[in-house]
Amino acid sequence: CDFDNKYRGTAVLTCRDGTKCKKGPYSELLGCAPEVQCAPPDIGSCAVNASACVGILPGASCELACIWPYHGQGTIATCPNDNVDPLQPVVWPKSWNPSMCRLDCPDPSEPP
């Protein structure tokens, strides 16, 4: 694979009919794929802003933040290095989950 041009994998010389063969007009290299950006995260919550995590390239990071009026600890998500799967979402630390952005509704001081 051409690692200098961001291709990853293991190249295998194969005949076009599926058998192993020597390099020639009926052979091709398979097994290499270009690096691609990660898919946006599927947060499943309206409490988290994931807009910074759209179009993130392999090895890059983005912020997942709580949206007002929700509050809590956000986190940093990362697109895995050498990502070749366009369906791979960015990943966040196992110690974090979207439910950490919460909406606290205090009891009213006096009943209506």
PDB file of N, CA and C in Angstrom:
ATOM      1  N   CYS A   1       0.845  -1.186   0.000  1.00  0.00           N
ATOM      2  CA  CYS A   1       0.000   0.000   0.000  1.00  0.00           C
ATOM      3  C   CYS A   1       0.883   1.240   0.000  1.00  0.00           C
ATOM      4  N   ASP A   2       0.358   2.314  -0.495  1.00  0.00           N
ATOM      5  CA  ASP A   2       1.096   3.574  -0.602  1.00  0.00           C
ATOM      6  C   ASP A   2       0.864   4.406   0.660  1.00  0.00           C
ATOM      7  N   PHE A   3       1.663   4.128   1.706  1.00  0.00           N
ATOM      8  CA  PHE A   3       1.485   4.796   2.991  1.00  0.00           C
ATOM      9  C   PHE A   3       1.763   6.287   2.893  1.00  0.00           C
ATOM     10  N   ASP A   4       2.657   6.698   1.989  1.00  0.00           N
ATOM     11  CA  ASP A   4       2.957   8.124   1.831  1.00  0.00           C
ATOM     12  C   ASP A   4       1.739   8.907   1.351  1.00  0.00           C
ATOM     13  N   ASN A   5       0.851   8.262   0.607  1.00  0.00           N
ATOM     14  CA  ASN A   5      -0.357   8.918   0.100  1.00  0.00           C
ATOM     15  C   ASN A   5      -1.599   8.503   0.865  1.00  0.00           C
ATOM     16  N   LYS A   6      -1.398   8.102   2.143  1.00  0.00           N
ATOM     17  CA  LYS A   6      -2.498   7.818   3.072  1.00  0.00           C
ATOM     18  C   LYS A   6      -3.348   6.611   2.690  1.00  0.00           C
ATOM     19  N   TYR A   7      -2.739   5.580   2.122  1.00  0.00           N
ATOM     20  CA  TYR A   7      -3.422   4.315   1.896  1.00  0.00           C
ATOM     21  C   TYR A   7      -2.978   3.350   2.983  1.00  0.00           C
ATOM     22  N   ARG A   8      -3.891   2.530   3.478  1.00  0.00           N
ATOM     23  CA  ARG A   8      -3.598   1.597   4.560  1.00  0.00           C
ATOM     24  C   ARG A   8      -4.090   0.197   4.193  1.00  0.00           C
ATOM     25  N   GLY A   9      -3.509  -0.803   4.825  1.00  0.00           N
ATOM     26  CA  GLY A   9      -3.915  -2.179   4.604  1.00  0.00           C
ATOM     27  C   GLY A   9      -2.717  -3.028   4.220  1.00  0.00           C
ATOM     28  N   THR A  10      -3.001  -4.207   3.697  1.00  0.00           N
ATOM     29  CA  THR A  10      -1.963  -5.122   3.243  1.00  0.00           C
ATOM     30  C   THR A  10      -2.265  -5.509   1.805  1.00  0.00           C
ATOM     31  N   ALA A  11      -1.378  -5.148   0.912  1.00  0.00           N
ATOM     32  CA  ALA A  11      -1.590  -5.439  -0.507  1.00  0.00           C
ATOM     33  C   ALA A  11      -1.358  -6.920  -0.783  1.00  0.00           C
ATOM     34  N   VAL A  12      -2.249  -7.494  -1.587  1.00  0.00           N
ATOM     35  CA  VAL A  12      -2.138  -8.891  -1.989  1.00  0.00           C
ATOM     36  C   VAL A  12      -2.286  -8.948  -3.504  1.00  0.00           C
ATOM     37  N   LEU A  13      -1.300  -9.542  -4.180  1.00  0.00           N
ATOM     38  CA  LEU A  13      -1.352  -9.698  -5.633  1.00  0.00           C
ATOM     39  C   LEU A  13      -2.279 -10.856  -5.960  1.00  0.00           C
ATOM     40  N   THR A  14      -3.314 -10.596  -6.731  1.00  0.00           N
ATOM     41  CA  THR A  14      -4.334 -11.594  -7.052  1.00  0.00           C
ATOM     42  C   THR A  14      -4.667 -11.529  -8.531  1.00  0.00           C
ATOM     43  N   CYS A  15      -4.930 -12.683  -9.140  1.00  0.00           N
ATOM     44  CA  CYS A  15      -5.417 -12.706 -10.519  1.00  0.00           C
ATOM     45  C   CYS A  15      -6.873 -12.268 -10.525  1.00  0.00           C
ATOM     46  N   ARG A  16      -7.287 -11.689 -11.584  1.00  0.00           N
ATOM     47  CA  ARG A  16      -8.669 -11.204 -11.664  1.00  0.00           C
ATOM     48  C   ARG A  16      -9.696 -12.330 -11.579  1.00  0.00           C
ATOM     49  N   ASP A  17      -9.254 -13.582 -11.803  1.00  0.00           N
ATOM     50  CA  ASP A  17     -10.195 -14.703 -11.651  1.00  0.00           C
ATOM     51  C   ASP A  17     -10.185 -15.260 -10.234  1.00  0.00           C
ATOM     52  N   GLY A  18      -9.443 -14.597  -9.303  1.00  0.00           N
ATOM     53  CA  GLY A  18      -9.450 -14.987  -7.900  1.00  0.00           C
ATOM     54  C   GLY A  18      -8.317 -15.910  -7.484  1.00  0.00           C
ATOM     55  N   THR A  19      -7.510 -16.379  -8.423  1.00  0.00           N
ATOM     56  CA  THR A  19      -6.403 -17.255  -8.071  1.00  0.00           C
ATOM     57  C   THR A  19      -5.133 -16.429  -7.852  1.00  0.00           C
ATOM     58  N   LYS A  20      -4.132 -17.055  -7.237  1.00  0.00           N
ATOM     59  CA  LYS A  20      -2.845 -16.376  -7.058  1.00  0.00           C
ATOM     60  C   LYS A  20      -2.068 -16.466  -8.379  1.00  0.00           C
ATOM     61  N   CYS A  21      -1.372 -15.389  -8.709  1.00  0.00           N
ATOM     62  CA  CYS A  21      -0.594 -15.398  -9.937  1.00  0.00           C
ATOM     63  C   CYS A  21       0.544 -14.401  -9.830  1.00  0.00           C
ATOM     64  N   LYS A  22       1.373 -14.354 -10.838  1.00  0.00           N
ATOM     65  CA  LYS A  22       2.468 -13.403 -10.887  1.00  0.00           C
ATOM     66  C   LYS A  22       1.967 -12.093 -11.481  1.00  0.00           C
ATOM     67  N   LYS A  23       2.727 -11.027 -11.258  1.00  0.00           N
ATOM     68  CA  LYS A  23       2.372  -9.722 -11.797  1.00  0.00           C
ATOM     69  C   LYS A  23       2.256  -9.808 -13.314  1.00  0.00           C
ATOM     70  N   GLY A  24       1.192  -9.270 -13.841  1.00  0.00           N
ATOM     71  CA  GLY A  24       0.967  -9.296 -15.279  1.00  0.00           C
ATOM     72  C   GLY A  24      -0.340  -8.612 -15.628  1.00  0.00           C
ATOM     73  N   PRO A  25      -0.776  -8.722 -16.882  1.00  0.00           N
ATOM     74  CA  PRO A  25      -1.980  -8.002 -17.319  1.00  0.00           C
ATOM     75  C   PRO A  25      -3.274  -8.512 -16.682  1.00  0.00           C
ATOM     76  N   TYR A  26      -3.251  -9.707 -16.096  1.00  0.00           N
ATOM     77  CA  TYR A  26      -4.470 -10.257 -15.496  1.00  0.00           C
ATOM     78  C   TYR A  26      -4.420 -10.252 -13.974  1.00  0.00           C
ATOM     79  N   SER A  27      -3.480  -9.477 -13.414  1.00  0.00           N
ATOM     80  CA  SER A  27      -3.351  -9.422 -11.961  1.00  0.00           C
ATOM     81  C   SER A  27      -3.702  -8.019 -11.458  1.00  0.00           C
ATOM     82  N   GLU A  28      -4.002  -7.956 -10.164  1.00  0.00           N
ATOM     83  CA  GLU A  28      -4.293  -6.675  -9.523  1.00  0.00           C
ATOM     84  C   GLU A  28      -3.916  -6.761  -8.049  1.00  0.00           C
ATOM     85  N   LEU A  29      -3.646  -5.601  -7.463  1.00  0.00           N
ATOM     86  CA  LEU A  29      -3.357  -5.530  -6.032  1.00  0.00           C
ATOM     87  C   LEU A  29      -4.651  -5.203  -5.295  1.00  0.00           C
ATOM     88  N   LEU A  30      -4.981  -6.015  -4.311  1.00  0.00           N
ATOM     89  CA  LEU A  30      -6.164  -5.780  -3.483  1.00  0.00           C
ATOM     90  C   LEU A  30      -5.738  -5.641  -2.031  1.00  0.00           C
ATOM     91  N   GLY A  31      -6.573  -5.020  -1.221  1.00  0.00           N
ATOM     92  CA  GLY A  31      -6.314  -4.946   0.211  1.00  0.00           C
ATOM     93  C   GLY A  31      -5.910  -3.576   0.709  1.00  0.00           C
ATOM     94  N   CYS A  32      -5.759  -2.607  -0.189  1.00  0.00           N
ATOM     95  CA  CYS A  32      -5.399  -1.250   0.230  1.00  0.00           C
ATOM     96  C   CYS A  32      -6.620  -0.348   0.113  1.00  0.00           C
ATOM     97  N   ALA A  33      -6.739   0.576   1.042  1.00  0.00           N
ATOM     98  CA  ALA A  33      -7.858   1.518   1.018  1.00  0.00           C
ATOM     99  C   ALA A  33      -7.352   2.886   1.475  1.00  0.00           C
ATOM    100  N   PRO A  34      -7.942   3.955   0.949  1.00  0.00           N
ATOM    101  CA  PRO A  34      -7.520   5.290   1.369  1.00  0.00           C
ATOM    102  C   PRO A  34      -8.057   5.617   2.758  1.00  0.00           C
ATOM    103  N   GLU A  35      -7.291   6.410   3.506  1.00  0.00           N
ATOM    104  CA  GLU A  35      -7.803   6.926   4.777  1.00  0.00           C
ATOM    105  C   GLU A  35      -8.992   7.824   4.474  1.00  0.00           C
ATOM    106  N   VAL A  36      -9.997   7.777   5.333  1.00  0.00           N
ATOM    107  CA  VAL A  36     -11.189   8.613   5.163  1.00  0.00           C
ATOM    108  C   VAL A  36     -11.584   9.229   6.502  1.00  0.00           C
ATOM    109  N   GLN A  37     -12.342  10.306   6.418  1.00  0.00           N
ATOM    110  CA  GLN A  37     -12.838  10.939   7.641  1.00  0.00           C
ATOM    111  C   GLN A  37     -13.825  10.031   8.341  1.00  0.00           C
ATOM    112  N   CYS A  38     -13.982  10.243   9.632  1.00  0.00           N
ATOM    113  CA  CYS A  38     -14.934   9.459  10.420  1.00  0.00           C
ATOM    114  C   CYS A  38     -16.357   9.966  10.200  1.00  0.00           C
ATOM    115  N   ALA A  39     -17.301   9.085  10.446  1.00  0.00           N
ATOM    116  CA  ALA A  39     -18.712   9.464  10.429  1.00  0.00           C
ATOM    117  C   ALA A  39     -19.004  10.284  11.691  1.00  0.00           C
ATOM    118  N   PRO A  40     -20.014  11.154  11.632  1.00  0.00           N
ATOM    119  CA  PRO A  40     -20.395  11.881  12.851  1.00  0.00           C
ATOM    120  C   PRO A  40     -20.867  10.892  13.911  1.00  0.00           C
ATOM    121  N   PRO A  41     -20.697  11.234  15.183  1.00  0.00           N
ATOM    122  CA  PRO A  41     -21.136  10.315  16.231  1.00  0.00           C
ATOM    123  C   PRO A  41     -22.653  10.236  16.296  1.00  0.00           C
ATOM    124  N   ASP A  42     -23.163   9.060  16.624  1.00  0.00           N
ATOM    125  CA  ASP A  42     -24.600   8.881  16.844  1.00  0.00           C
ATOM    126  C   ASP A  42     -24.825   9.010  18.337  1.00  0.00           C
ATOM    127  N   ILE A  43     -25.015  10.247  18.785  1.00  0.00           N
ATOM    128  CA  ILE A  43     -25.132  10.534  20.215  1.00  0.00           C
ATOM    129  C   ILE A  43     -26.466  10.045  20.771  1.00  0.00           C
ATOM    130  N   GLY A  44     -27.545  10.211  20.016  1.00  0.00           N
ATOM    131  CA  GLY A  44     -28.851   9.794  20.498  1.00  0.00           C
ATOM    132  C   GLY A  44     -29.376  10.665  21.617  1.00  0.00           C
ATOM    133  N   SER A  45     -28.895  11.899  21.685  1.00  0.00           N
ATOM    134  CA  SER A  45     -29.317  12.805  22.757  1.00  0.00           C
ATOM    135  C   SER A  45     -29.329  14.228  22.228  1.00  0.00           C
ATOM    136  N   CYS A  46     -30.386  14.961  22.583  1.00  0.00           N
ATOM    137  CA  CYS A  46     -30.444  16.375  22.199  1.00  0.00           C
ATOM    138  C   CYS A  46     -29.662  17.242  23.181  1.00  0.00           C
ATOM    139  N   ALA A  47     -29.056  16.642  24.187  1.00  0.00           N
ATOM    140  CA  ALA A  47     -28.326  17.378  25.207  1.00  0.00           C
ATOM    141  C   ALA A  47     -26.861  17.616  24.838  1.00  0.00           C
ATOM    142  N   VAL A  48     -26.398  17.003  23.742  1.00  0.00           N
ATOM    143  CA  VAL A  48     -24.977  17.090  23.385  1.00  0.00           C
ATOM    144  C   VAL A  48     -24.819  17.722  22.010  1.00  0.00           C
ATOM    145  N   ASN A  49     -23.921  18.687  21.924  1.00  0.00           N
ATOM    146  CA  ASN A  49     -23.579  19.318  20.657  1.00  0.00           C
ATOM    147  C   ASN A  49     -22.408  18.543  20.050  1.00  0.00           C
ATOM    148  N   ALA A  50     -22.666  17.877  18.923  1.00  0.00           N
ATOM    149  CA  ALA A  50     -21.632  17.098  18.252  1.00  0.00           C
ATOM    150  C   ALA A  50     -21.239  17.723  16.919  1.00  0.00           C
ATOM    151  N   SER A  51     -21.631  18.977  16.677  1.00  0.00           N
ATOM    152  CA  SER A  51     -21.380  19.608  15.382  1.00  0.00           C
ATOM    153  C   SER A  51     -19.893  19.755  15.068  1.00  0.00           C
ATOM    154  N   ALA A  52     -19.048  19.841  16.081  1.00  0.00           N
ATOM    155  CA  ALA A  52     -17.601  19.957  15.850  1.00  0.00           C
ATOM    156  C   ALA A  52     -17.003  18.631  15.383  1.00  0.00           C
ATOM    157  N   CYS A  53     -17.788  17.559  15.426  1.00  0.00           N
ATOM    158  CA  CYS A  53     -17.277  16.225  15.088  1.00  0.00           C
ATOM    159  C   CYS A  53     -17.721  15.752  13.709  1.00  0.00           C
ATOM    160  N   VAL A  54     -18.042  16.686  12.822  1.00  0.00           N
ATOM    161  CA  VAL A  54     -18.418  16.356  11.451  1.00  0.00           C
ATOM    162  C   VAL A  54     -17.188  16.563  10.566  1.00  0.00           C
ATOM    163  N   GLY A  55     -16.843  15.568   9.767  1.00  0.00           N
ATOM    164  CA  GLY A  55     -15.721  15.689   8.845  1.00  0.00           C
ATOM    165  C   GLY A  55     -14.354  15.586   9.495  1.00  0.00           C
ATOM    166  N   ILE A  56     -14.260  14.875  10.608  1.00  0.00           N
ATOM    167  CA  ILE A  56     -12.997  14.746  11.335  1.00  0.00           C
ATOM    168  C   ILE A  56     -12.100  13.712  10.636  1.00  0.00           C
ATOM    169  N   LEU A  57     -10.869  14.117  10.358  1.00  0.00           N
ATOM    170  CA  LEU A  57      -9.909  13.255   9.669  1.00  0.00           C
ATOM    171  C   LEU A  57      -9.233  12.289  10.648  1.00  0.00           C
ATOM    172  N   PRO A  58      -8.673  11.182  10.130  1.00  0.00           N
ATOM    173  CA  PRO A  58      -7.975  10.234  10.999  1.00  0.00           C
ATOM    174  C   PRO A  58      -6.903  10.921  11.847  1.00  0.00           C
ATOM    175  N   GLY A  59      -6.927  10.598  13.141  1.00  0.00           N
ATOM    176  CA  GLY A  59      -5.962  11.156  14.082  1.00  0.00           C
ATOM    177  C   GLY A  59      -6.361  12.498  14.666  1.00  0.00           C
ATOM    178  N   ALA A  60      -7.438  13.107  14.157  1.00  0.00           N
ATOM    179  CA  ALA A  60      -7.885  14.412  14.657  1.00  0.00           C
ATOM    180  C   ALA A  60      -8.928  14.231  15.762  1.00  0.00           C
ATOM    181  N   SER A  61      -9.139  15.305  16.530  1.00  0.00           N
ATOM    182  CA  SER A  61     -10.073  15.267  17.662  1.00  0.00           C
ATOM    183  C   SER A  61     -11.114  16.365  17.520  1.00  0.00           C
ATOM    184  N   CYS A  62     -12.176  16.239  18.289  1.00  0.00           N
ATOM    185  CA  CYS A  62     -13.247  17.226  18.309  1.00  0.00           C
ATOM    186  C   CYS A  62     -13.894  17.227  19.699  1.00  0.00           C
ATOM    187  N   GLU A  63     -14.655  18.262  19.971  1.00  0.00           N
ATOM    188  CA  GLU A  63     -15.281  18.400  21.286  1.00  0.00           C
ATOM    189  C   GLU A  63     -16.756  18.029  21.238  1.00  0.00           C
ATOM    190  N   LEU A  64     -17.175  17.244  22.210  1.00  0.00           N
ATOM    191  CA  LEU A  64     -18.589  16.964  22.455  1.00  0.00           C
ATOM    192  C   LEU A  64     -18.952  17.756  23.704  1.00  0.00           C
ATOM    193  N   ALA A  65     -19.890  18.682  23.585  1.00  0.00           N
ATOM    194  CA  ALA A  65     -20.214  19.580  24.689  1.00  0.00           C
ATOM    195  C   ALA A  65     -21.707  19.534  25.008  1.00  0.00           C
ATOM    196  N   CYS A  66     -22.029  19.782  26.262  1.00  0.00           N
ATOM    197  CA  CYS A  66     -23.430  19.850  26.675  1.00  0.00           C
ATOM    198  C   CYS A  66     -24.044  21.126  26.115  1.00  0.00           C
ATOM    199  N   ILE A  67     -25.299  21.029  25.667  1.00  0.00           N
ATOM    200  CA  ILE A  67     -26.035  22.171  25.122  1.00  0.00           C
ATOM    201  C   ILE A  67     -26.893  22.771  26.231  1.00  0.00           C
ATOM    202  N   TRP A  68     -26.849  24.090  26.375  1.00  0.00           N
ATOM    203  CA  TRP A  68     -27.678  24.763  27.365  1.00  0.00           C
ATOM    204  C   TRP A  68     -29.136  24.467  27.076  1.00  0.00           C
ATOM    205  N   PRO A  69     -29.973  24.155  28.030  1.00  0.00           N
ATOM    206  CA  PRO A  69     -29.833  24.310  29.470  1.00  0.00           C
ATOM    207  C   PRO A  69     -29.248  23.076  30.166  1.00  0.00           C
ATOM    208  N   TYR A  70     -28.784  22.099  29.397  1.00  0.00           N
ATOM    209  CA  TYR A  70     -28.140  20.930  29.989  1.00  0.00           C
ATOM    210  C   TYR A  70     -26.750  21.337  30.471  1.00  0.00           C
ATOM    211  N   HIS A  71     -26.272  20.664  31.474  1.00  0.00           N
ATOM    212  CA  HIS A  71     -24.925  20.954  31.956  1.00  0.00           C
ATOM    213  C   HIS A  71     -24.252  19.659  32.375  1.00  0.00           C
ATOM    214  N   GLY A  72     -22.954  19.731  32.465  1.00  0.00           N
ATOM    215  CA  GLY A  72     -22.164  18.559  32.826  1.00  0.00           C
ATOM    216  C   GLY A  72     -20.846  18.589  32.092  1.00  0.00           C
ATOM    217  N   GLN A  73     -20.130  17.525  32.236  1.00  0.00           N
ATOM    218  CA  GLN A  73     -18.804  17.408  31.644  1.00  0.00           C
ATOM    219  C   GLN A  73     -18.907  16.945  30.202  1.00  0.00           C
ATOM    220  N   GLY A  74     -18.374  17.712  29.277  1.00  0.00           N
ATOM    221  CA  GLY A  74     -18.241  17.279  27.891  1.00  0.00           C
ATOM    222  C   GLY A  74     -17.008  16.390  27.780  1.00  0.00           C
ATOM    223  N   THR A  75     -16.588  16.122  26.549  1.00  0.00           N
ATOM    224  CA  THR A  75     -15.389  15.299  26.357  1.00  0.00           C
ATOM    225  C   THR A  75     -14.790  15.554  24.993  1.00  0.00           C
ATOM    226  N   ILE A  76     -13.665  14.946  24.751  1.00  0.00           N
ATOM    227  CA  ILE A  76     -12.995  15.008  23.454  1.00  0.00           C
ATOM    228  C   ILE A  76     -13.153  13.652  22.775  1.00  0.00           C
ATOM    229  N   ALA A  77     -13.590  13.684  21.519  1.00  0.00           N
ATOM    230  CA  ALA A  77     -13.717  12.470  20.719  1.00  0.00           C
ATOM    231  C   ALA A  77     -12.617  12.488  19.653  1.00  0.00           C
ATOM    232  N   THR A  78     -12.244  11.314  19.156  1.00  0.00           N
ATOM    233  CA  THR A  78     -11.140  11.202  18.209  1.00  0.00           C
ATOM    234  C   THR A  78     -11.501  10.249  17.074  1.00  0.00           C
ATOM    235  N   CYS A  79     -11.054  10.600  15.886  1.00  0.00           N
ATOM    236  CA  CYS A  79     -11.146   9.678  14.744  1.00  0.00           C
ATOM    237  C   CYS A  79      -9.906   8.796  14.806  1.00  0.00           C
ATOM    238  N   PRO A  80     -10.063   7.469  14.812  1.00  0.00           N
ATOM    239  CA  PRO A  80      -8.897   6.589  14.935  1.00  0.00           C
ATOM    240  C   PRO A  80      -7.853   6.853  13.844  1.00  0.00           C
ATOM    241  N   ASN A  81      -6.589   6.741  14.226  1.00  0.00           N
ATOM    242  CA  ASN A  81      -5.505   6.843  13.244  1.00  0.00           C
ATOM    243  C   ASN A  81      -5.701   5.775  12.178  1.00  0.00           C
ATOM    244  N   ASP A  82      -5.339   6.068  10.962  1.00  0.00           N
ATOM    245  CA  ASP A  82      -5.391   5.113   9.850  1.00  0.00           C
ATOM    246  C   ASP A  82      -6.809   4.628   9.541  1.00  0.00           C
ATOM    247  N   ASN A  83      -7.831   5.441   9.820  1.00  0.00           N
ATOM    248  CA  ASN A  83      -9.211   5.014   9.570  1.00  0.00           C
ATOM    249  C   ASN A  83      -9.476   4.882   8.068  1.00  0.00           C
ATOM    250  N   VAL A  84      -9.971   3.718   7.646  1.00  0.00           N
ATOM    251  CA  VAL A  84     -10.343   3.488   6.249  1.00  0.00           C
ATOM    252  C   VAL A  84     -11.830   3.148   6.115  1.00  0.00           C
ATOM    253  N   ASP A  85     -12.577   3.231   7.215  1.00  0.00           N
ATOM    254  CA  ASP A  85     -13.998   2.882   7.236  1.00  0.00           C
ATOM    255  C   ASP A  85     -14.837   4.154   7.311  1.00  0.00           C
ATOM    256  N   PRO A  86     -15.549   4.523   6.232  1.00  0.00           N
ATOM    257  CA  PRO A  86     -16.346   5.757   6.264  1.00  0.00           C
ATOM    258  C   PRO A  86     -17.523   5.703   7.238  1.00  0.00           C
ATOM    259  N   LEU A  87     -17.871   4.523   7.732  1.00  0.00           N
ATOM    260  CA  LEU A  87     -18.961   4.385   8.704  1.00  0.00           C
ATOM    261  C   LEU A  87     -18.470   4.399  10.148  1.00  0.00           C
ATOM    262  N   GLN A  88     -17.145   4.457  10.349  1.00  0.00           N
ATOM    263  CA  GLN A  88     -16.562   4.490  11.696  1.00  0.00           C
ATOM    264  C   GLN A  88     -16.826   5.854  12.327  1.00  0.00           C
ATOM    265  N   PRO A  89     -17.629   5.904  13.390  1.00  0.00           N
ATOM    266  CA  PRO A  89     -17.829   7.201  14.055  1.00  0.00           C
ATOM    267  C   PRO A  89     -16.625   7.559  14.925  1.00  0.00           C
ATOM    268  N   VAL A  90     -16.521   8.840  15.258  1.00  0.00           N
ATOM    269  CA  VAL A  90     -15.489   9.237  16.213  1.00  0.00           C
ATOM    270  C   VAL A  90     -15.762   8.498  17.516  1.00  0.00           C
ATOM    271  N   VAL A  91     -14.720   8.293  18.293  1.00  0.00           N
ATOM    272  CA  VAL A  91     -14.858   7.564  19.555  1.00  0.00           C
ATOM    273  C   VAL A  91     -14.522   8.481  20.717  1.00  0.00           C
ATOM    274  N   TRP A  92     -15.217   8.270  21.835  1.00  0.00           N
ATOM    275  CA  TRP A  92     -14.950   9.047  23.037  1.00  0.00           C
ATOM    276  C   TRP A  92     -14.514   8.100  24.135  1.00  0.00           C
ATOM    277  N   PRO A  93     -13.918   8.642  25.205  1.00  0.00           N
ATOM    278  CA  PRO A  93     -13.427   7.787  26.294  1.00  0.00           C
ATOM    279  C   PRO A  93     -14.549   6.938  26.900  1.00  0.00           C
ATOM    280  N   LYS A  94     -14.209   5.737  27.320  1.00  0.00           N
ATOM    281  CA  LYS A  94     -15.194   4.843  27.937  1.00  0.00           C
ATOM    282  C   LYS A  94     -15.742   5.406  29.239  1.00  0.00           C
ATOM    283  N   SER A  95     -15.013   6.327  29.845  1.00  0.00           N
ATOM    284  CA  SER A  95     -15.451   6.921  31.114  1.00  0.00           C
ATOM    285  C   SER A  95     -16.528   7.985  30.919  1.00  0.00           C
ATOM    286  N   TRP A  96     -16.885   8.302  29.656  1.00  0.00           N
ATOM    287  CA  TRP A  96     -17.881   9.344  29.377  1.00  0.00           C
ATOM    288  C   TRP A  96     -19.051   8.749  28.621  1.00  0.00           C
ATOM    289  N   ASN A  97     -20.239   9.311  28.857  1.00  0.00           N
ATOM    290  CA  ASN A  97     -21.394   8.965  28.029  1.00  0.00           C
ATOM    291  C   ASN A  97     -22.314  10.173  27.946  1.00  0.00           C
ATOM    292  N   PRO A  98     -23.173  10.246  26.926  1.00  0.00           N
ATOM    293  CA  PRO A  98     -24.023  11.417  26.723  1.00  0.00           C
ATOM    294  C   PRO A  98     -24.946  11.741  27.889  1.00  0.00           C
ATOM    295  N   SER A  99     -25.281  10.747  28.697  1.00  0.00           N
ATOM    296  CA  SER A  99     -26.173  11.011  29.835  1.00  0.00           C
ATOM    297  C   SER A  99     -25.503  11.867  30.909  1.00  0.00           C
ATOM    298  N   MET A 100     -24.216  12.130  30.759  1.00  0.00           N
ATOM    299  CA  MET A 100     -23.522  12.996  31.708  1.00  0.00           C
ATOM    300  C   MET A 100     -23.908  14.458  31.503  1.00  0.00           C
ATOM    301  N   CYS A 101     -24.561  14.770  30.394  1.00  0.00           N
ATOM    302  CA  CYS A 101     -25.159  16.088  30.191  1.00  0.00           C
ATOM    303  C   CYS A 101     -26.588  15.972  30.713  1.00  0.00           C
ATOM    304  N   ARG A 102     -26.875  16.660  31.781  1.00  0.00           N
ATOM    305  CA  ARG A 102     -28.181  16.476  32.431  1.00  0.00           C
ATOM    306  C   ARG A 102     -28.881  17.815  32.648  1.00  0.00           C
ATOM    307  N   LEU A 103     -30.163  17.703  32.821  1.00  0.00           N
ATOM    308  CA  LEU A 103     -31.012  18.860  33.069  1.00  0.00           C
ATOM    309  C   LEU A 103     -31.561  18.722  34.475  1.00  0.00           C
ATOM    310  N   ASP A 104     -31.095  19.587  35.352  1.00  0.00           N
ATOM    311  CA  ASP A 104     -31.584  19.555  36.729  1.00  0.00           C
ATOM    312  C   ASP A 104     -32.743  20.525  36.869  1.00  0.00           C
ATOM    313  N   CYS A 105     -33.827  20.038  37.360  1.00  0.00           N
ATOM    314  CA  CYS A 105     -35.005  20.870  37.587  1.00  0.00           C
ATOM    315  C   CYS A 105     -35.257  20.920  39.095  1.00  0.00           C
ATOM    316  N   PRO A 106     -34.838  22.003  39.742  1.00  0.00           N
ATOM    317  CA  PRO A 106     -35.017  22.082  41.190  1.00  0.00           C
ATOM    318  C   PRO A 106     -36.518  22.221  41.531  1.00  0.00           C
ATOM    319  N   ASP A 107     -36.873  21.723  42.705  1.00  0.00           N
ATOM    320  CA  ASP A 107     -38.235  21.891  43.181  1.00  0.00           C
ATOM    321  C   ASP A 107     -38.482  23.378  43.425  1.00  0.00           C
ATOM    322  N   PRO A 108     -39.673  23.855  43.087  1.00  0.00           N
ATOM    323  CA  PRO A 108     -39.974  25.257  43.368  1.00  0.00           C
ATOM    324  C   PRO A 108     -39.965  25.508  44.885  1.00  0.00           C
ATOM    325  N   SER A 109     -39.559  26.705  45.266  1.00  0.00           N
ATOM    326  CA  SER A 109     -39.491  27.015  46.706  1.00  0.00           C
ATOM    327  C   SER A 109     -40.871  27.093  47.332  1.00  0.00           C
ATOM    328  N   GLU A 110     -41.852  27.533  46.578  1.00  0.00           N
ATOM    329  CA  GLU A 110     -43.238  27.577  47.073  1.00  0.00           C
ATOM    330  C   GLU A 110     -44.149  26.928  46.058  1.00  0.00           C
ATOM    331  N   PRO A 111     -45.088  26.147  46.524  1.00  0.00           N
ATOM    332  CA  PRO A 111     -46.043  25.546  45.590  1.00  0.00           C
ATOM    333  C   PRO A 111     -46.882  26.648  44.938  1.00  0.00           C
ATOM    334  N   PRO A 112     -47.290  26.459  43.724  1.00  0.00           N
ATOM    335  CA  PRO A 112     -48.104  27.479  43.049  1.00  0.00           C
ATOM    336  C   PRO A 112     -49.480  27.619  43.665  1.00  0.00           C
TER     337      PRO A 112
END
